[in-house]
Amino acid sequence: MKKRLKENLIAYAFCAPAYIIFTIFLFIPIVWVIFLSLKDFSIVTLYSAKFVGLKNYLRLAKDEVFLRSILNTVYFTVLYVPGNTILGLVFALLLNRPFKGRNFFRLALFVPNVISMVVVSIIWSLIFSSSTTGIANRLLLVLHLKPIQWLSDYRYALLAVGIVLIWSGFGYRMLIFLAGLQNIPEELYEAASLDGATKWQVTLKITLPLLRPTTFFVITTSLINSFQVFTPIYIMTGGGPGYSTTTIVNYLYTKGFSEFQMGYASAISVILLLIILVLTFVQRKIGKEDVTF
């Protein structure tokens, strides 16, 4: 009995640092921001904040800009998650085959992921310049198409931001898929080859089914990231034109650090947390049978 207790104490001691970090930097801030969302205050009136209960949440339900930001975030998610997942999977399948220069291409596709998003946003702002000096519009002119006001037209602004984020992020997903491909037993491919299976049949019947846990992880993390997009929108469009590219996080920032409505911004962050938790729970339920530990 004493030996078992000692083993448990040792195990808890090893886990304690992780639990302490989680409590200090994650659990306590979440509880604190929920408490702050029930108050009306700015940065300078924190200590004299007025308790308003659910008033901030009731106000959010009638806030047209906030509702628009949710729709924009959903639209961006529809662009970002499939784009990242499909491109990451396709290039992983291509670069999993042995050929000369394979490591160079793997590195080249991953490099955008480690570049500062601020730098990436500035570079792509120049590429999507509304004038004919922008590379994107020059390509359109070469194809005998009309130039597009990429960042100043509400029809294309969010699409342009989606292209930037997909370009900078699919290389990381590619590496995740490559790791998943390395874990597929080679014996399965050899058996399929002996049975006369074509490459398409091997991909559809062996590779893709065995990549389901990896695909679940990629989709889940991409989904969470899509609801937290901020930097490229802040730099490239500022949430405009109008509110056509304003996402939940951008609206949160505007209310909290531009208009100093910290209680209202806290309520927005709580709603964002709930949305991410619900989406993650749904994804977990859908992919429960495919995830192995």
Protein backbone atom coordinates (compact mmCIF):
# COMPACT_ATOMS: atom_id res chain seq x y z
CA MET A 1 0.00 0.00 0.00
CA LYS A 2 2.79 2.39 0.93
CA LYS A 3 4.67 1.49 -2.23
CA ARG A 4 1.58 2.24 -4.35
CA LEU A 5 1.09 5.57 -2.58
CA LYS A 6 4.73 6.46 -3.13
CA GLU A 7 4.44 5.65 -6.84
CA ASN A 8 1.33 7.83 -7.11
CA LEU A 9 3.04 10.73 -5.37
CA ILE A 10 6.02 10.46 -7.72
CA ALA A 11 3.67 10.45 -10.72
CA TYR A 12 1.79 13.50 -9.41
CA ALA A 13 5.10 15.26 -8.77
CA PHE A 14 6.13 14.77 -12.40
CA CYS A 15 2.74 16.03 -13.60
CA ALA A 16 2.64 18.98 -11.18
CA PRO A 17 4.65 21.47 -13.32
CA ALA A 18 2.32 20.96 -16.27
CA TYR A 19 -0.78 21.36 -14.10
CA ILE A 20 0.65 24.46 -12.44
CA ILE A 21 1.44 26.08 -15.81
CA PHE A 22 -2.03 25.14 -17.10
CA THR A 23 -3.71 26.63 -14.04
CA ILE A 24 -1.73 29.88 -13.99
CA PHE A 25 -1.61 30.66 -17.69
CA LEU A 26 -4.85 29.09 -18.97
CA PHE A 27 -7.48 28.18 -16.39
CA ILE A 28 -7.23 31.28 -14.19
CA PRO A 29 -7.23 33.72 -17.17
CA ILE A 30 -10.32 32.00 -18.62
CA VAL A 31 -12.21 32.26 -15.34
CA TRP A 32 -11.05 35.87 -14.94
CA VAL A 33 -12.18 36.92 -18.43
CA ILE A 34 -15.61 35.33 -17.84
CA PHE A 35 -15.88 37.41 -14.67
CA LEU A 36 -14.77 40.56 -16.53
CA SER A 37 -17.36 39.95 -19.27
CA LEU A 38 -20.06 40.61 -16.66
CA LYS A 39 -18.75 44.13 -16.05
CA ASP A 40 -18.68 47.44 -17.90
CA PHE A 41 -15.25 49.07 -17.78
CA SER A 42 -12.32 50.39 -19.76
CA ILE A 43 -8.60 49.96 -19.16
CA VAL A 44 -8.45 53.01 -16.87
CA THR A 45 -11.64 52.14 -14.93
CA LEU A 46 -10.77 48.53 -14.12
CA TYR A 47 -10.86 49.03 -10.36
CA SER A 48 -14.17 50.93 -10.52
CA ALA A 49 -15.85 48.55 -12.97
CA LYS A 50 -19.63 48.40 -12.88
CA PHE A 51 -21.28 44.99 -12.67
CA VAL A 52 -23.85 44.67 -15.46
CA GLY A 53 -24.55 40.94 -15.49
CA LEU A 54 -25.48 39.57 -18.92
CA LYS A 55 -25.93 43.02 -20.47
CA ASN A 56 -22.81 42.65 -22.66
CA TYR A 57 -24.06 39.33 -24.03
CA LEU A 58 -27.54 40.70 -24.73
CA ARG A 59 -25.90 43.60 -26.53
CA LEU A 60 -23.85 41.19 -28.65
CA ALA A 61 -27.01 39.44 -29.80
CA LYS A 62 -28.20 42.73 -31.34
CA ASP A 63 -24.82 43.90 -32.63
CA GLU A 64 -24.96 43.70 -36.44
CA VAL A 65 -21.21 44.15 -36.81
CA PHE A 66 -20.53 41.26 -34.43
CA LEU A 67 -22.98 39.04 -36.30
CA ARG A 68 -21.28 40.06 -39.55
CA SER A 69 -17.90 39.18 -38.05
CA ILE A 70 -19.18 35.67 -37.28
CA LEU A 71 -20.32 35.23 -40.89
CA ASN A 72 -16.97 36.51 -42.15
CA THR A 73 -15.14 34.09 -39.87
CA VAL A 74 -17.27 31.17 -41.07
CA TYR A 75 -16.64 32.17 -44.71
CA PHE A 76 -12.91 32.38 -44.05
CA THR A 77 -13.01 28.97 -42.35
CA VAL A 78 -14.70 27.43 -45.41
CA LEU A 79 -11.80 28.75 -47.51
CA TYR A 80 -8.96 28.07 -45.12
CA VAL A 81 -9.62 24.60 -43.69
CA PRO A 82 -10.25 22.68 -46.97
CA GLY A 83 -7.50 24.63 -48.76
CA ASN A 84 -4.90 23.87 -46.09
CA THR A 85 -5.94 20.24 -45.72
CA ILE A 86 -6.18 19.37 -49.42
CA LEU A 87 -2.95 21.14 -50.44
CA GLY A 88 -1.08 19.68 -47.48
CA LEU A 89 -2.27 16.17 -48.34
CA VAL A 90 -1.58 16.46 -52.07
CA PHE A 91 1.98 17.74 -51.62
CA ALA A 92 2.64 15.19 -48.88
CA LEU A 93 1.67 12.39 -51.25
CA LEU A 94 3.84 13.86 -54.01
CA LEU A 95 6.87 14.46 -51.79
CA ASN A 96 6.63 11.13 -50.02
CA ARG A 97 7.96 9.44 -53.15
CA PRO A 98 11.75 9.20 -53.52
CA PHE A 99 13.25 11.50 -56.16
CA LYS A 100 16.23 13.79 -56.46
CA GLY A 101 15.77 17.12 -54.69
CA ARG A 102 12.85 15.91 -52.54
CA ASN A 103 14.22 17.42 -49.33
CA PHE A 104 14.71 20.79 -51.03
CA PHE A 105 11.05 20.94 -52.08
CA ARG A 106 9.91 19.89 -48.60
CA LEU A 107 11.96 22.70 -47.08
CA ALA A 108 10.85 25.24 -49.67
CA LEU A 109 7.16 24.55 -49.00
CA PHE A 110 7.64 24.69 -45.23
CA VAL A 111 9.65 27.95 -45.14
CA PRO A 112 6.60 30.29 -45.45
CA ASN A 113 5.30 28.84 -42.19
CA VAL A 114 8.29 30.15 -40.21
CA ILE A 115 8.29 33.64 -41.75
CA SER A 116 6.76 36.35 -39.58
CA MET A 117 3.10 36.84 -40.46
CA VAL A 118 3.68 40.59 -40.41
CA VAL A 119 6.32 40.26 -43.13
CA VAL A 120 4.12 37.85 -45.11
CA SER A 121 1.16 40.25 -44.90
CA ILE A 122 3.21 43.23 -46.10
CA ILE A 123 4.67 41.28 -49.04
CA TRP A 124 1.27 39.99 -50.12
CA SER A 125 -0.23 43.47 -49.76
CA LEU A 126 2.23 44.55 -52.47
CA ILE A 127 1.40 41.49 -54.58
CA PHE A 128 -2.32 42.28 -54.31
CA SER A 129 -1.80 45.98 -54.96
CA SER A 130 -4.85 47.51 -56.67
CA SER A 131 -2.67 49.19 -59.31
CA THR A 132 -1.20 47.36 -62.28
CA THR A 133 2.17 47.28 -60.51
CA GLY A 134 0.93 44.42 -58.30
CA ILE A 135 2.05 40.99 -59.45
CA ALA A 136 -1.48 39.54 -59.18
CA ASN A 137 -2.95 42.17 -61.49
CA ARG A 138 -0.02 41.90 -63.90
CA LEU A 139 -0.75 38.20 -64.27
CA LEU A 140 -4.39 39.02 -64.97
CA LEU A 141 -3.33 41.48 -67.67
CA VAL A 142 -1.11 38.82 -69.24
CA LEU A 143 -4.17 36.57 -69.38
CA HIS A 144 -6.15 39.45 -70.95
CA LEU A 145 -8.34 39.84 -67.86
CA LYS A 146 -9.33 43.00 -66.04
CA PRO A 147 -7.35 44.01 -62.93
CA ILE A 148 -9.08 43.38 -59.60
CA GLN A 149 -9.21 45.65 -56.57
CA TRP A 150 -8.09 42.77 -54.38
CA LEU A 151 -7.99 44.49 -50.99
CA SER A 152 -10.47 47.32 -51.55
CA ASP A 153 -13.35 45.35 -53.07
CA TYR A 154 -15.59 43.57 -50.57
CA ARG A 155 -16.04 40.66 -53.00
CA TYR A 156 -12.34 39.76 -53.10
CA ALA A 157 -10.74 41.10 -49.90
CA LEU A 158 -11.43 38.10 -47.67
CA LEU A 159 -10.55 35.74 -50.51
CA ALA A 160 -7.16 37.46 -50.84
CA VAL A 161 -6.50 37.04 -47.12
CA GLY A 162 -7.50 33.38 -47.39
CA ILE A 163 -5.00 32.84 -50.20
CA VAL A 164 -2.24 34.36 -48.05
CA LEU A 165 -3.02 32.18 -45.04
CA ILE A 166 -3.30 29.01 -47.12
CA TRP A 167 0.02 29.76 -48.84
CA SER A 168 1.80 30.33 -45.54
CA GLY A 169 0.25 27.42 -43.65
CA PHE A 170 -0.20 24.38 -45.88
CA GLY A 171 3.52 23.52 -45.68
CA TYR A 172 3.14 22.74 -41.98
CA ARG A 173 0.14 20.52 -42.69
CA MET A 174 2.19 18.83 -45.38
CA LEU A 175 4.80 17.84 -42.78
CA ILE A 176 2.09 16.46 -40.50
CA PHE A 177 0.74 14.33 -43.34
CA LEU A 178 4.29 13.21 -44.21
CA ALA A 179 4.72 12.04 -40.62
CA GLY A 180 1.46 10.12 -40.91
CA LEU A 181 2.57 8.53 -44.18
CA GLN A 182 5.80 7.35 -42.57
CA ASN A 183 3.77 5.39 -40.01
CA ILE A 184 1.90 3.34 -42.60
CA PRO A 185 3.47 -0.16 -42.73
CA GLU A 186 5.31 -0.80 -45.99
CA GLU A 187 4.04 -4.39 -45.96
CA LEU A 188 0.55 -3.17 -46.86
CA TYR A 189 1.82 -1.52 -50.03
CA GLU A 190 3.82 -4.62 -50.94
CA ALA A 191 0.77 -6.86 -50.48
CA ALA A 192 -1.36 -4.51 -52.58
CA SER A 193 1.29 -4.51 -55.32
CA LEU A 194 1.34 -8.31 -55.39
CA ASP A 195 -2.45 -8.31 -55.71
CA GLY A 196 -2.19 -6.07 -58.77
CA ALA A 197 -3.68 -2.90 -57.20
CA THR A 198 -3.18 0.33 -59.12
CA LYS A 199 -1.71 3.47 -57.56
CA TRP A 200 -5.17 5.06 -57.31
CA GLN A 201 -6.57 1.96 -55.60
CA VAL A 202 -3.66 1.90 -53.14
CA THR A 203 -4.21 5.58 -52.35
CA LEU A 204 -7.99 5.25 -51.91
CA LYS A 205 -8.05 1.89 -50.11
CA ILE A 206 -4.89 2.03 -47.98
CA THR A 207 -3.29 5.47 -47.70
CA LEU A 208 -6.32 7.71 -47.14
CA PRO A 209 -8.11 5.41 -44.64
CA LEU A 210 -4.94 5.01 -42.56
CA LEU A 211 -4.40 8.80 -42.62
CA ARG A 212 -7.76 9.49 -40.96
CA PRO A 213 -6.31 10.21 -37.49
CA THR A 214 -3.76 12.59 -39.07
CA THR A 215 -6.47 14.23 -41.18
CA PHE A 216 -8.61 14.67 -38.07
CA PHE A 217 -5.73 16.41 -36.29
CA VAL A 218 -5.02 18.67 -39.29
CA ILE A 219 -8.67 19.66 -39.71
CA THR A 220 -9.15 20.32 -36.00
CA THR A 221 -6.06 22.53 -35.66
CA SER A 222 -6.85 24.35 -38.90
CA LEU A 223 -10.40 24.97 -37.69
CA ILE A 224 -9.14 26.48 -34.44
CA ASN A 225 -6.58 28.62 -36.27
CA SER A 226 -9.20 29.91 -38.72
CA PHE A 227 -11.27 31.32 -35.86
CA GLN A 228 -8.20 33.07 -34.44
CA VAL A 229 -7.02 34.84 -37.61
CA PHE A 230 -5.97 38.43 -36.89
CA THR A 231 -2.59 39.67 -38.15
CA PRO A 232 -3.05 39.47 -41.96
CA ILE A 233 -6.48 41.09 -41.78
CA TYR A 234 -5.24 43.82 -39.45
CA ILE A 235 -2.31 44.66 -41.77
CA MET A 236 -3.79 44.03 -45.21
CA THR A 237 -7.37 45.31 -44.92
CA GLY A 238 -7.89 46.66 -41.40
CA GLY A 239 -11.21 44.81 -41.38
CA GLY A 240 -12.50 46.66 -44.44
CA PRO A 241 -13.73 47.64 -46.89
CA GLY A 242 -16.64 48.38 -44.60
CA TYR A 243 -16.76 45.34 -42.34
CA SER A 244 -16.34 42.80 -45.13
CA THR A 245 -13.17 41.28 -43.64
CA THR A 246 -13.80 41.92 -39.95
CA THR A 247 -13.51 38.61 -38.10
CA ILE A 248 -14.38 37.87 -34.48
CA VAL A 249 -10.82 38.44 -33.25
CA ASN A 250 -10.48 41.69 -35.22
CA TYR A 251 -13.74 42.97 -33.76
CA LEU A 252 -12.59 41.91 -30.29
CA TYR A 253 -9.38 43.88 -30.74
CA THR A 254 -11.26 46.94 -32.01
CA LYS A 255 -13.66 46.98 -29.07
CA GLY A 256 -11.01 46.25 -26.46
CA PHE A 257 -7.95 48.20 -27.57
CA SER A 258 -9.32 50.88 -29.90
CA GLU A 259 -12.61 51.77 -28.24
CA PHE A 260 -11.51 50.55 -24.77
CA GLN A 261 -14.75 48.67 -24.08
CA MET A 262 -12.98 45.94 -22.17
CA GLY A 263 -16.07 44.32 -20.66
CA TYR A 264 -17.68 44.07 -24.06
CA ALA A 265 -14.45 42.70 -25.58
CA SER A 266 -14.27 40.11 -22.79
CA ALA A 267 -17.79 38.96 -23.68
CA ILE A 268 -16.71 38.57 -27.31
CA SER A 269 -13.72 36.47 -26.23
CA VAL A 270 -15.97 34.22 -24.15
CA ILE A 271 -18.28 33.68 -27.14
CA LEU A 272 -15.23 32.89 -29.29
CA LEU A 273 -14.05 30.37 -26.70
CA LEU A 274 -17.44 28.69 -26.65
CA ILE A 275 -17.55 28.49 -30.46
CA ILE A 276 -14.11 26.87 -30.60
CA LEU A 277 -15.01 24.42 -27.81
CA VAL A 278 -18.25 23.39 -29.56
CA LEU A 279 -16.51 22.94 -32.92
CA THR A 280 -13.71 20.92 -31.33
CA PHE A 281 -16.26 18.75 -29.48
CA VAL A 282 -18.19 18.10 -32.70
CA GLN A 283 -14.97 17.28 -34.54
CA ARG A 284 -13.97 14.96 -31.70
CA LYS A 285 -17.28 13.13 -31.91
CA ILE A 286 -17.10 12.81 -35.68
CA GLY A 287 -13.51 11.55 -35.68
CA LYS A 288 -13.70 9.54 -32.47
CA GLU A 289 -13.58 6.17 -34.19
CA ASP A 290 -10.65 7.21 -36.38
CA VAL A 291 -8.37 8.58 -33.66
CA THR A 292 -5.92 6.20 -32.08
CA PHE A 293 -3.55 6.84 -29.21
